[in-house]
Amino acid sequence: MGSRIWKAEVPLDVSIKVEAFKRGMFDFITVREDKKHEKQESALQILIDNEHSEFLYGGAAGGAKSWTGASWELFMALAYPETRYFVGRAVLKRLMESTLPTFHKVMKAYEIPDTLYHFNGGYNYFQFYNGSRIDFVALERKPSDPFFETLGSIEYTSGWIEEAGEVCFDAYDTLRTRINRQMNDVYGIHGKLFVTCNPKKNWMFRIFYEPWKKGILDAKKCYMPCLVQENPFIDSGYIEKLREIGDKVKKERLLKGNWDYEDNPNALCQYDDICAIFGNKISIRNGNYYLTADIARFGSDRAIILVWNGYTVVDLRSFDTSSTTEIEQCILHFQRLYHIPSSRCIADEDGVGGGVVDHTGCIGFRNNGSPLLEPTEYTAENYMNLQTQCGYRLAEHINNSDVGFELELVSEEEKENIVLEIEQLQTWNGDSDGRLQLKPKAEIKEDIGHSPDWRDAMLMRCYFDYVDVALPDDLEKRLSNLIL
């Protein structure tokens, strides 16, 4: 498994390309038929600079992301003997069926003879004549290695995460520590973690895209979008196929590179429906006021208190760090201001929230509590717990345009957080008895980097769909009709 070196005659044209690559002259890659892929040129310049350690490239289909990654690693391996690289994807089979053929196409395009390299199919790596190597690694989380510790002992010069929307944060977090550790000092090479993707609201969104959008991205990190229209070599028929995509979410992501659209078949709400809650003029306002509170542990997560008129949030308070005394005072203040009886106030009873419930007289909400009986008209569903039941019901209300926020209540940053968290209302794998589940909070935290506090405060409002003394107007009418 160690480095192998053998004698090989390097063709003159290959030597010229390798030397051009080392000097940052990429025309042999980026120019074809008098056309130049300007974004690819910029990407390659970033990949060999001494300024950036991590580089996210892409954001749409057809931008030549894979070709760029394969070309970069190939010529780095040829240019610098005994260096080592990786290309990783969640599932090894996809890596071998998709990315490996791209490497072979790149080698053929640049006339790299097979005397200079060998592919080891048993251990999945390219070995080069000069001792350099490119490993193909699976980045799927395994129960036997949940934190990717097996990758922690390998030292790489640089590496590439392909289709990073499929890869979890822990894999990225481990691999970023493994670069810049193999012959970098010898050659003066700045170790690079190259990440290619289509838009996905996971760790890439919060670590790269969102800070880039706000102009606060760390100087050692870089994000560069590349759309299919910016690839001069793409087949025009491919662009037409993207334009013909019927699913709006997929079209926004793959054709326009829109990060704000989540392409997830498990999502319970569509992006447009979530955005419509802000300033929603047709949300339910029926004169019945409610209060919901998600109580954070001291110094952990956030505390969110919402005041509702029907299904419209008309007042709120959020605490980044707070004591239970402050939260209790805020709840009592809102109760007096809006004349909200304790029978219409509910707070998360798990953890420190139990004390708030005891002191204020609010109803206690237990996330893992048993689901409530459905109103007579609705078919009973087999939910995993109370939180799941209320999460599904919240999604129904959002999709029906029942939910609203008074527009002036939330900043643009808070809106982004609310949308991001509501997008995490997703169905999850059912257990053996087929009960409906929501995406677990641990998975949500891994994807968005924080607890879904807004989501939790909002879904508690749905508790009153089942036990309220004053049901929402539409539901009350339906039940009245049943009684009549």
Protein backbone atom coordinates (compact mmCIF):
# COMPACT_ATOMS: atom_id res chain seq x y z
CA MET A 1 0.00 0.00 0.00
CA GLY A 2 3.03 2.31 0.14
CA SER A 3 4.14 4.64 -2.65
CA ARG A 4 5.28 2.88 -5.77
CA ILE A 5 7.73 4.50 -8.18
CA TRP A 6 8.70 3.15 -11.55
CA LYS A 7 10.62 4.43 -14.53
CA ALA A 8 8.49 5.84 -17.32
CA GLU A 9 9.13 8.01 -20.33
CA VAL A 10 7.03 11.16 -20.11
CA PRO A 11 6.00 12.41 -23.57
CA LEU A 12 7.18 15.92 -24.38
CA ASP A 13 3.65 17.30 -24.82
CA VAL A 14 2.69 15.97 -21.37
CA SER A 15 5.78 17.57 -19.81
CA ILE A 16 4.82 20.89 -21.44
CA LYS A 17 1.26 20.68 -20.04
CA VAL A 18 2.54 19.82 -16.56
CA GLU A 19 4.95 22.77 -16.60
CA ALA A 20 2.21 25.10 -17.89
CA PHE A 21 -0.07 23.89 -15.07
CA LYS A 22 2.59 24.61 -12.45
CA ARG A 23 2.92 28.15 -13.82
CA GLY A 24 -0.82 28.78 -13.76
CA MET A 25 -1.21 28.64 -17.54
CA PHE A 26 -4.42 26.68 -18.08
CA ASP A 27 -5.35 27.37 -21.70
CA PHE A 28 -4.84 23.72 -22.59
CA ILE A 29 -7.71 22.97 -20.19
CA THR A 30 -9.95 26.04 -20.45
CA VAL A 31 -9.69 26.87 -24.19
CA ARG A 32 -11.28 24.85 -26.95
CA GLU A 33 -12.34 25.82 -30.46
CA ASP A 34 -11.46 29.47 -29.75
CA LYS A 35 -13.77 29.50 -26.73
CA LYS A 36 -12.62 29.93 -23.15
CA HIS A 37 -14.33 28.75 -19.97
CA GLU A 38 -13.60 31.84 -17.87
CA LYS A 39 -15.10 30.46 -14.66
CA GLN A 40 -13.07 27.28 -14.96
CA GLU A 41 -9.95 29.38 -15.47
CA SER A 42 -10.71 31.33 -12.29
CA ALA A 43 -11.43 28.12 -10.40
CA LEU A 44 -8.08 26.59 -11.34
CA GLN A 45 -6.27 29.78 -10.33
CA ILE A 46 -7.90 29.55 -6.89
CA LEU A 47 -6.97 25.88 -6.62
CA ILE A 48 -3.26 26.60 -6.91
CA ASP A 49 -3.10 29.89 -4.99
CA ASN A 50 -1.57 30.36 -1.54
CA GLU A 51 -4.50 32.34 -0.13
CA HIS A 52 -7.41 29.91 0.20
CA SER A 53 -7.66 26.62 2.09
CA GLU A 54 -11.23 25.69 1.20
CA PHE A 55 -13.02 26.35 -2.08
CA LEU A 56 -16.69 25.69 -2.87
CA TYR A 57 -17.36 25.70 -6.61
CA GLY A 58 -20.60 25.21 -8.48
CA GLY A 59 -24.18 25.89 -7.62
CA ALA A 60 -25.87 24.54 -10.77
CA ALA A 61 -25.68 21.64 -13.19
CA GLY A 62 -23.41 21.68 -16.23
CA GLY A 63 -20.67 24.01 -15.01
CA ALA A 64 -17.83 21.51 -15.64
CA LYS A 65 -17.27 20.99 -11.91
CA SER A 66 -16.17 17.36 -12.17
CA TRP A 67 -13.90 18.02 -15.14
CA THR A 68 -12.25 20.85 -13.23
CA GLY A 69 -11.69 18.68 -10.15
CA ALA A 70 -10.31 15.75 -12.09
CA SER A 71 -7.97 17.97 -14.16
CA TRP A 72 -6.67 19.72 -11.05
CA GLU A 73 -5.88 16.53 -9.13
CA LEU A 74 -4.40 14.79 -12.17
CA PHE A 75 -1.91 17.55 -12.97
CA MET A 76 -1.07 18.17 -9.31
CA ALA A 77 -0.18 14.48 -9.01
CA LEU A 78 1.95 14.60 -12.17
CA ALA A 79 3.64 17.88 -11.24
CA TYR A 80 4.64 17.05 -7.66
CA PRO A 81 6.12 13.57 -6.99
CA GLU A 82 4.98 11.58 -3.96
CA THR A 83 2.04 13.87 -3.16
CA ARG A 84 -1.31 12.38 -2.22
CA TYR A 85 -4.90 13.42 -2.93
CA PHE A 86 -8.41 12.13 -2.36
CA VAL A 87 -11.71 12.43 -4.16
CA GLY A 88 -14.67 11.54 -1.99
CA ARG A 89 -18.38 11.06 -2.45
CA ALA A 90 -21.06 9.70 -0.13
CA VAL A 91 -21.49 6.37 -1.91
CA LEU A 92 -18.49 4.57 -3.39
CA LYS A 93 -20.57 3.02 -6.18
CA ARG A 94 -21.55 6.45 -7.50
CA LEU A 95 -17.96 7.59 -7.26
CA MET A 96 -16.82 4.65 -9.35
CA GLU A 97 -19.67 4.93 -11.86
CA SER A 98 -19.52 8.70 -12.35
CA THR A 99 -16.30 10.36 -11.14
CA LEU A 100 -13.85 7.61 -12.15
CA PRO A 101 -14.99 7.72 -15.82
CA THR A 102 -14.46 11.50 -15.72
CA PHE A 103 -10.82 10.93 -14.73
CA HIS A 104 -10.39 8.52 -17.64
CA LYS A 105 -11.94 11.07 -20.04
CA VAL A 106 -9.62 13.78 -18.75
CA MET A 107 -6.57 11.54 -19.19
CA LYS A 108 -7.65 10.71 -22.71
CA ALA A 109 -8.36 14.35 -23.58
CA TYR A 110 -4.90 15.47 -22.44
CA GLU A 111 -3.15 12.41 -23.89
CA ILE A 112 -1.77 11.05 -20.63
CA PRO A 113 -0.41 7.56 -21.50
CA ASP A 114 -1.31 4.66 -19.23
CA THR A 115 2.38 3.99 -18.70
CA LEU A 116 2.33 6.92 -16.24
CA TYR A 117 -0.39 5.57 -13.96
CA HIS A 118 -2.15 2.46 -12.76
CA PHE A 119 -5.60 2.14 -11.17
CA ASN A 120 -5.81 -0.27 -8.26
CA GLY A 121 -9.35 -1.63 -8.36
CA GLY A 122 -8.96 -3.53 -5.11
CA TYR A 123 -8.24 -0.46 -3.00
CA ASN A 124 -9.64 2.18 -5.39
CA TYR A 125 -6.75 4.52 -6.07
CA PHE A 126 -4.64 5.86 -8.93
CA GLN A 127 -0.92 5.24 -8.47
CA PHE A 128 1.41 7.39 -10.59
CA TYR A 129 4.89 6.57 -11.81
CA ASN A 130 6.40 9.34 -9.65
CA GLY A 131 4.93 8.03 -6.38
CA SER A 132 1.90 10.34 -6.30
CA ARG A 133 -1.50 8.91 -5.59
CA ILE A 134 -5.22 9.77 -5.78
CA ASP A 135 -7.52 7.86 -3.40
CA PHE A 136 -11.22 7.29 -4.07
CA VAL A 137 -12.98 7.33 -0.69
CA ALA A 138 -16.57 6.70 0.42
CA LEU A 139 -17.94 9.40 2.72
CA GLU A 140 -21.12 7.69 3.83
CA ARG A 141 -21.61 7.65 7.60
CA LYS A 142 -21.33 4.14 9.03
CA PRO A 143 -22.50 2.99 12.48
CA SER A 144 -19.05 1.48 13.04
CA ASP A 145 -17.34 4.81 12.27
CA PRO A 146 -19.84 7.66 12.91
CA PHE A 147 -17.15 10.36 13.13
CA PHE A 148 -15.00 9.16 10.20
CA GLU A 149 -12.08 8.32 12.46
CA THR A 150 -10.68 5.97 9.82
CA LEU A 151 -9.92 9.03 7.70
CA GLY A 152 -8.20 10.74 10.59
CA SER A 153 -4.97 8.77 10.24
CA ILE A 154 -4.37 9.51 6.55
CA GLU A 155 -2.29 12.48 5.45
CA TYR A 156 -3.09 14.25 2.18
CA THR A 157 -1.65 17.08 0.15
CA SER A 158 -5.09 18.26 -0.96
CA GLY A 159 -8.48 16.74 -1.66
CA TRP A 160 -11.86 17.01 -3.34
CA ILE A 161 -15.38 16.36 -2.06
CA GLU A 162 -17.61 15.65 -5.06
CA GLU A 163 -21.42 16.14 -4.96
CA ALA A 164 -21.10 17.56 -1.46
CA GLY A 165 -24.88 17.83 -1.05
CA GLU A 166 -24.80 14.10 -0.29
CA VAL A 167 -22.00 14.36 2.29
CA CYS A 168 -22.54 15.02 6.00
CA PHE A 169 -20.77 17.71 8.01
CA ASP A 170 -18.62 15.30 10.03
CA ALA A 171 -16.99 13.94 6.87
CA TYR A 172 -16.16 17.47 5.69
CA ASP A 173 -14.96 18.45 9.17
CA THR A 174 -12.60 15.48 9.36
CA LEU A 175 -11.19 15.79 5.84
CA ARG A 176 -10.40 19.48 6.22
CA THR A 177 -7.92 18.50 8.94
CA ARG A 178 -6.18 15.91 6.74
CA ILE A 179 -4.96 18.22 3.98
CA ASN A 180 -1.70 20.19 3.90
CA ARG A 181 0.11 17.22 5.49
CA GLN A 182 1.88 15.40 2.63
CA MET A 183 4.89 17.05 0.93
CA ASN A 184 3.28 20.50 1.08
CA ASP A 185 6.30 22.12 2.74
CA VAL A 186 8.70 20.42 0.33
CA TYR A 187 7.04 21.96 -2.72
CA GLY A 188 5.54 25.07 -1.13
CA ILE A 189 2.03 23.84 -1.98
CA HIS A 190 -0.90 25.35 -0.10
CA GLY A 191 -3.19 22.47 0.86
CA LYS A 192 -6.67 22.83 -0.61
CA LEU A 193 -10.06 21.28 0.11
CA PHE A 194 -12.07 21.54 -3.10
CA VAL A 195 -15.84 21.14 -2.75
CA THR A 196 -18.17 20.80 -5.73
CA CYS A 197 -21.93 20.73 -5.53
CA ASN A 198 -25.38 21.68 -6.67
CA PRO A 199 -27.26 23.93 -4.19
CA LYS A 200 -28.15 22.15 -0.96
CA LYS A 201 -29.19 23.58 2.38
CA ASN A 202 -26.74 21.70 4.54
CA TRP A 203 -23.35 22.65 5.97
CA MET A 204 -22.31 24.19 2.63
CA PHE A 205 -25.16 26.71 2.86
CA ARG A 206 -24.27 27.93 6.35
CA ILE A 207 -20.47 27.65 6.11
CA PHE A 208 -19.93 28.98 2.56
CA TYR A 209 -22.94 30.34 0.71
CA GLU A 210 -24.72 32.35 3.40
CA PRO A 211 -21.54 34.13 4.65
CA TRP A 212 -20.55 34.77 1.01
CA LYS A 213 -23.97 36.27 0.29
CA LYS A 214 -23.61 38.58 3.30
CA GLY A 215 -20.03 39.50 2.45
CA ILE A 216 -18.57 37.97 5.62
CA LEU A 217 -17.00 34.76 4.31
CA ASP A 218 -13.73 33.87 6.01
CA ALA A 219 -10.75 35.02 3.91
CA LYS A 220 -9.35 31.47 3.80
CA LYS A 221 -12.57 30.19 2.29
CA CYS A 222 -13.89 30.90 -1.19
CA TYR A 223 -17.20 30.36 -2.98
CA MET A 224 -17.65 30.83 -6.70
CA PRO A 225 -20.92 30.08 -8.50
CA CYS A 226 -20.88 28.67 -11.99
CA LEU A 227 -24.03 28.30 -14.08
CA VAL A 228 -24.51 26.07 -17.07
CA GLN A 229 -24.81 29.15 -19.30
CA GLU A 230 -21.23 30.07 -18.33
CA ASN A 231 -19.84 26.83 -19.75
CA PRO A 232 -19.07 27.54 -23.42
CA PHE A 233 -18.48 23.85 -24.14
CA ILE A 234 -21.85 22.56 -22.96
CA ASP A 235 -24.19 20.96 -25.47
CA SER A 236 -27.07 23.36 -26.18
CA GLY A 237 -29.42 20.41 -25.93
CA TYR A 238 -28.41 19.97 -22.28
CA ILE A 239 -29.46 23.53 -21.48
CA GLU A 240 -32.80 22.98 -23.18
CA LYS A 241 -33.37 19.87 -21.08
CA LEU A 242 -32.78 21.90 -17.92
CA ARG A 243 -35.21 24.56 -19.14
CA GLU A 244 -37.84 21.91 -19.74
CA ILE A 245 -37.74 20.63 -16.16
CA GLY A 246 -41.30 20.76 -14.87
CA ASP A 247 -40.50 20.76 -11.16
CA LYS A 248 -39.95 24.38 -10.15
CA VAL A 249 -37.58 23.52 -7.29
CA LYS A 250 -35.30 21.40 -9.48
CA LYS A 251 -35.28 24.03 -12.22
CA GLU A 252 -34.36 26.79 -9.77
CA ARG A 253 -31.51 24.70 -8.36
CA LEU A 254 -30.08 23.03 -11.44
CA LEU A 255 -30.64 25.74 -14.07
CA LYS A 256 -30.45 28.94 -12.02
CA GLY A 257 -28.23 27.78 -9.16
CA ASN A 258 -30.75 29.08 -6.61
CA TRP A 259 -29.70 28.03 -3.10
CA ASP A 260 -32.97 29.14 -1.53
CA TYR A 261 -34.91 26.26 -3.06
CA GLU A 262 -34.62 22.92 -1.27
CA ASP A 263 -34.91 19.86 -3.50
CA ASN A 264 -36.08 17.36 -0.91
CA PRO A 265 -38.86 14.86 -1.57
CA ASN A 266 -39.37 14.53 2.20
CA ALA A 267 -40.15 18.23 2.69
CA LEU A 268 -43.62 18.90 4.09
CA CYS A 269 -43.69 22.54 2.89
CA GLN A 270 -42.59 24.22 -0.32
CA TYR A 271 -40.18 27.15 -0.22
CA ASP A 272 -42.65 29.60 -1.78
CA ASP A 273 -45.37 28.67 0.74
CA ILE A 274 -42.96 29.24 3.63
CA CYS A 275 -41.86 32.64 2.33
CA ALA A 276 -45.52 33.65 1.94
CA ILE A 277 -46.11 33.63 5.71
CA PHE A 278 -44.37 37.01 6.10
CA GLY A 279 -46.95 39.74 5.69
CA ASN A 280 -49.56 37.14 4.70
CA LYS A 281 -52.80 39.09 4.16
CA ILE A 282 -55.03 36.01 4.21
CA SER A 283 -53.65 34.29 7.31
CA ILE A 284 -56.18 33.35 10.01
CA ARG A 285 -56.96 36.19 12.44
CA ASN A 286 -60.04 35.30 14.48
CA GLY A 287 -59.62 37.33 17.68
CA ASN A 288 -58.51 34.31 19.72
CA TYR A 289 -55.07 34.96 21.20
CA TYR A 290 -52.48 32.30 22.07
CA LEU A 291 -48.92 32.21 23.37
CA THR A 292 -46.28 29.61 22.56
CA ALA A 293 -42.80 29.48 24.08
CA ASP A 294 -39.78 27.37 23.21
CA ILE A 295 -37.60 27.50 26.32
CA ALA A 296 -33.86 27.16 25.80
CA ARG A 297 -31.51 25.73 28.37
CA PHE A 298 -29.47 28.49 30.00
CA GLY A 299 -26.75 29.57 27.56
CA SER A 300 -27.87 27.03 24.95
CA ASP A 301 -29.93 27.57 21.79
CA ARG A 302 -32.49 30.41 21.88
CA ALA A 303 -35.73 31.08 23.73
CA ILE A 304 -38.60 32.12 21.44
CA ILE A 305 -41.96 33.47 22.66
CA LEU A 306 -44.73 34.05 20.09
CA VAL A 307 -48.11 35.74 20.48
CA TRP A 308 -50.77 34.59 18.01
CA ASN A 309 -54.06 36.05 16.83
CA GLY A 310 -55.58 32.90 15.36
CA TYR A 311 -52.70 31.66 13.23
CA THR A 312 -51.01 35.04 12.78
CA VAL A 313 -47.98 36.01 14.90
CA VAL A 314 -48.64 39.56 16.11
CA ASP A 315 -45.92 39.91 18.74
CA LEU A 316 -42.80 38.05 19.79
CA ARG A 317 -39.67 38.07 21.87
CA SER A 318 -36.48 36.11 21.36
CA PHE A 319 -33.66 35.62 23.85
CA ASP A 320 -30.17 34.55 22.86
CA THR A 321 -29.23 34.06 26.49
CA SER A 322 -31.80 34.31 29.25
CA SER A 323 -32.78 33.18 32.70
CA THR A 324 -36.08 31.45 33.39
CA THR A 325 -37.09 34.51 35.45
CA GLU A 326 -36.81 36.78 32.39
CA ILE A 327 -38.84 34.32 30.31
CA GLU A 328 -41.54 34.04 32.96
CA GLN A 329 -41.80 37.83 33.20
CA CYS A 330 -42.11 38.12 29.43
CA ILE A 331 -44.87 35.48 29.30
CA LEU A 332 -46.84 37.24 32.07
CA HIS A 333 -46.38 40.58 30.32
CA PHE A 334 -47.82 39.22 27.06
CA GLN A 335 -50.69 37.54 28.92
CA ARG A 336 -51.72 40.84 30.48
CA LEU A 337 -51.19 42.85 27.30
CA TYR A 338 -53.25 40.56 25.06
CA HIS A 339 -55.58 39.06 27.71
CA ILE A 340 -54.39 35.52 27.06
CA PRO A 341 -55.60 32.98 29.64
CA SER A 342 -53.20 30.27 30.77
CA SER A 343 -55.39 27.74 28.97
CA ARG A 344 -54.13 29.25 25.69
CA CYS A 345 -50.47 29.50 26.71
CA ILE A 346 -48.10 26.60 26.10
CA ALA A 347 -44.39 26.17 26.75
CA ASP A 348 -41.85 23.45 26.11
CA GLU A 349 -41.80 21.47 29.34
CA ASP A 350 -38.64 19.48 28.60
CA GLY A 351 -35.54 20.50 30.59
CA VAL A 352 -35.66 23.89 32.30
CA GLY A 353 -38.99 24.64 30.64
CA GLY A 354 -40.67 22.59 33.38
CA GLY A 355 -39.96 25.34 35.89
CA VAL A 356 -41.45 28.00 33.61
CA VAL A 357 -44.60 25.92 33.20
CA ASP A 358 -44.93 25.50 36.99
CA HIS A 359 -44.44 29.19 37.74
CA THR A 360 -46.67 30.63 35.00
CA GLY A 361 -49.45 28.07 34.88
CA CYS A 362 -48.92 27.49 31.15
CA ILE A 363 -49.76 24.16 29.54
CA GLY A 364 -46.66 21.97 29.36
CA PHE A 365 -45.67 20.66 25.92
CA ARG A 366 -43.75 17.38 25.94
CA ASN A 367 -42.13 16.67 22.60
CA ASN A 368 -42.07 12.93 23.15
CA GLY A 369 -45.55 12.86 24.64
CA SER A 370 -48.32 10.74 23.16
CA PRO A 371 -50.19 12.17 20.14
CA LEU A 372 -53.57 13.74 20.84
CA LEU A 373 -56.89 12.52 19.51
CA GLU A 374 -57.66 13.99 16.11
CA PRO A 375 -60.77 16.15 15.66
CA THR A 376 -63.69 14.00 14.55
CA GLU A 377 -63.49 14.96 10.90
CA TYR A 378 -59.83 14.02 10.46
CA THR A 379 -58.59 10.50 9.90
CA ALA A 380 -56.47 9.38 12.84
CA GLU A 381 -52.77 9.17 11.99
CA ASN A 382 -50.15 7.06 13.72
CA TYR A 383 -47.58 9.67 14.79
CA MET A 384 -44.36 8.91 16.61
CA ASN A 385 -45.04 11.57 19.27
CA LEU A 386 -46.76 14.88 19.99
CA GLN A 387 -44.05 16.97 18.33
CA THR A 388 -44.42 14.98 15.10
CA GLN A 389 -48.20 15.35 15.16
CA CYS A 390 -47.99 19.13 15.61
CA GLY A 391 -45.20 19.42 13.02
CA TYR A 392 -47.32 17.74 10.38
CA ARG A 393 -50.29 19.93 11.28
CA LEU A 394 -48.18 23.10 11.10
CA ALA A 395 -47.10 22.09 7.59
CA GLU A 396 -50.78 21.71 6.61
CA HIS A 397 -51.57 25.19 7.90
CA ILE A 398 -48.59 26.73 6.07
CA ASN A 399 -49.54 25.00 2.83
CA ASN A 400 -53.12 26.27 3.23
CA SER A 401 -51.89 29.89 3.73
CA ASP A 402 -53.31 29.94 7.27
CA VAL A 403 -50.05 31.05 8.95
CA GLY A 404 -48.73 34.60 9.00
CA PHE A 405 -46.21 36.93 10.62
CA GLU A 406 -46.85 40.65 10.91
CA LEU A 407 -44.25 41.97 8.49
CA GLU A 408 -42.52 44.45 10.81
CA LEU A 409 -41.88 41.85 13.54
CA VAL A 410 -38.91 40.05 12.02
CA SER A 411 -35.68 41.25 10.43
CA GLU A 412 -34.39 39.89 7.13
CA GLU A 413 -31.90 37.74 9.03
CA GLU A 414 -34.67 36.32 11.23
CA LYS A 415 -36.78 35.61 8.14
CA GLU A 416 -33.91 33.61 6.67
CA ASN A 417 -33.62 31.62 9.89
CA ILE A 418 -37.36 30.95 10.07
CA VAL A 419 -37.49 29.80 6.44
CA LEU A 420 -34.44 27.60 6.96
CA GLU A 421 -35.95 25.98 10.04
CA ILE A 422 -39.42 25.44 8.56
CA GLU A 423 -37.75 23.77 5.58
CA GLN A 424 -36.52 21.23 8.10
CA LEU A 425 -40.12 20.08 8.58
CA GLN A 426 -39.46 16.83 6.78
CA THR A 427 -40.82 13.34 7.05
CA TRP A 428 -38.32 10.75 8.25
CA ASN A 429 -37.91 7.00 7.99
CA GLY A 430 -40.77 5.19 9.66
CA ASP A 431 -40.03 2.65 12.37
CA SER A 432 -41.06 -1.00 12.31
CA ASP A 433 -44.69 -0.23 13.04
CA GLY A 434 -44.88 2.49 10.37
CA ARG A 435 -45.45 5.50 12.62
CA LEU A 436 -44.91 8.92 11.03
CA GLN A 437 -41.74 10.71 12.13
CA LEU A 438 -40.13 14.13 11.69
CA LYS A 439 -36.51 14.68 10.80
CA PRO A 440 -34.63 14.33 14.12
CA LYS A 441 -33.29 17.44 15.81
CA ALA A 442 -29.75 16.04 15.78
CA GLU A 443 -29.91 15.79 11.97
CA ILE A 444 -31.32 19.31 11.73
CA LYS A 445 -28.53 20.72 13.88
CA GLU A 446 -25.95 19.01 11.67
CA ASP A 447 -27.48 20.48 8.51
CA ILE A 448 -28.21 24.05 9.62
CA GLY A 449 -25.80 24.38 12.53
CA HIS A 450 -28.30 25.25 15.26
CA SER A 451 -31.44 24.06 17.00
CA PRO A 452 -34.76 24.76 15.15
CA ASP A 453 -36.12 27.04 17.87
CA TRP A 454 -38.48 29.02 15.62
CA ARG A 455 -39.92 25.82 14.21
CA ASP A 456 -40.50 24.41 17.70
CA ALA A 457 -42.22 27.56 18.94
CA MET A 458 -44.47 27.57 15.87
CA LEU A 459 -45.48 23.92 15.85
CA MET A 460 -46.68 24.15 19.47
CA ARG A 461 -49.48 26.42 18.24
CA CYS A 462 -51.05 23.35 16.64
CA TYR A 463 -51.62 21.78 20.07
CA PHE A 464 -54.74 23.95 20.28
CA ASP A 465 -56.15 22.39 17.12
CA TYR A 466 -56.92 19.37 19.31
CA VAL A 467 -57.74 20.73 22.78
CA ASP A 468 -58.54 24.42 22.31
CA VAL A 469 -61.49 26.04 23.98
CA ALA A 470 -61.94 28.11 20.79
CA LEU A 471 -61.08 26.25 17.61
CA PRO A 472 -59.97 28.05 14.43
CA ASP A 473 -62.97 29.35 12.49
CA ASP A 474 -62.80 26.86 9.62
CA LEU A 475 -62.40 23.86 11.92
CA GLU A 476 -65.15 25.08 14.25
CA LYS A 477 -67.57 25.35 11.33
CA ARG A 478 -66.72 21.84 10.14
CA LEU A 479 -67.30 20.38 13.59
CA SER A 480 -70.57 22.32 13.91
CA ASN A 481 -71.76 20.83 10.65
CA LEU A 482 -70.97 17.36 11.93
CA ILE A 483 -72.96 17.97 15.09
CA LEU A 484 -75.93 19.31 13.10
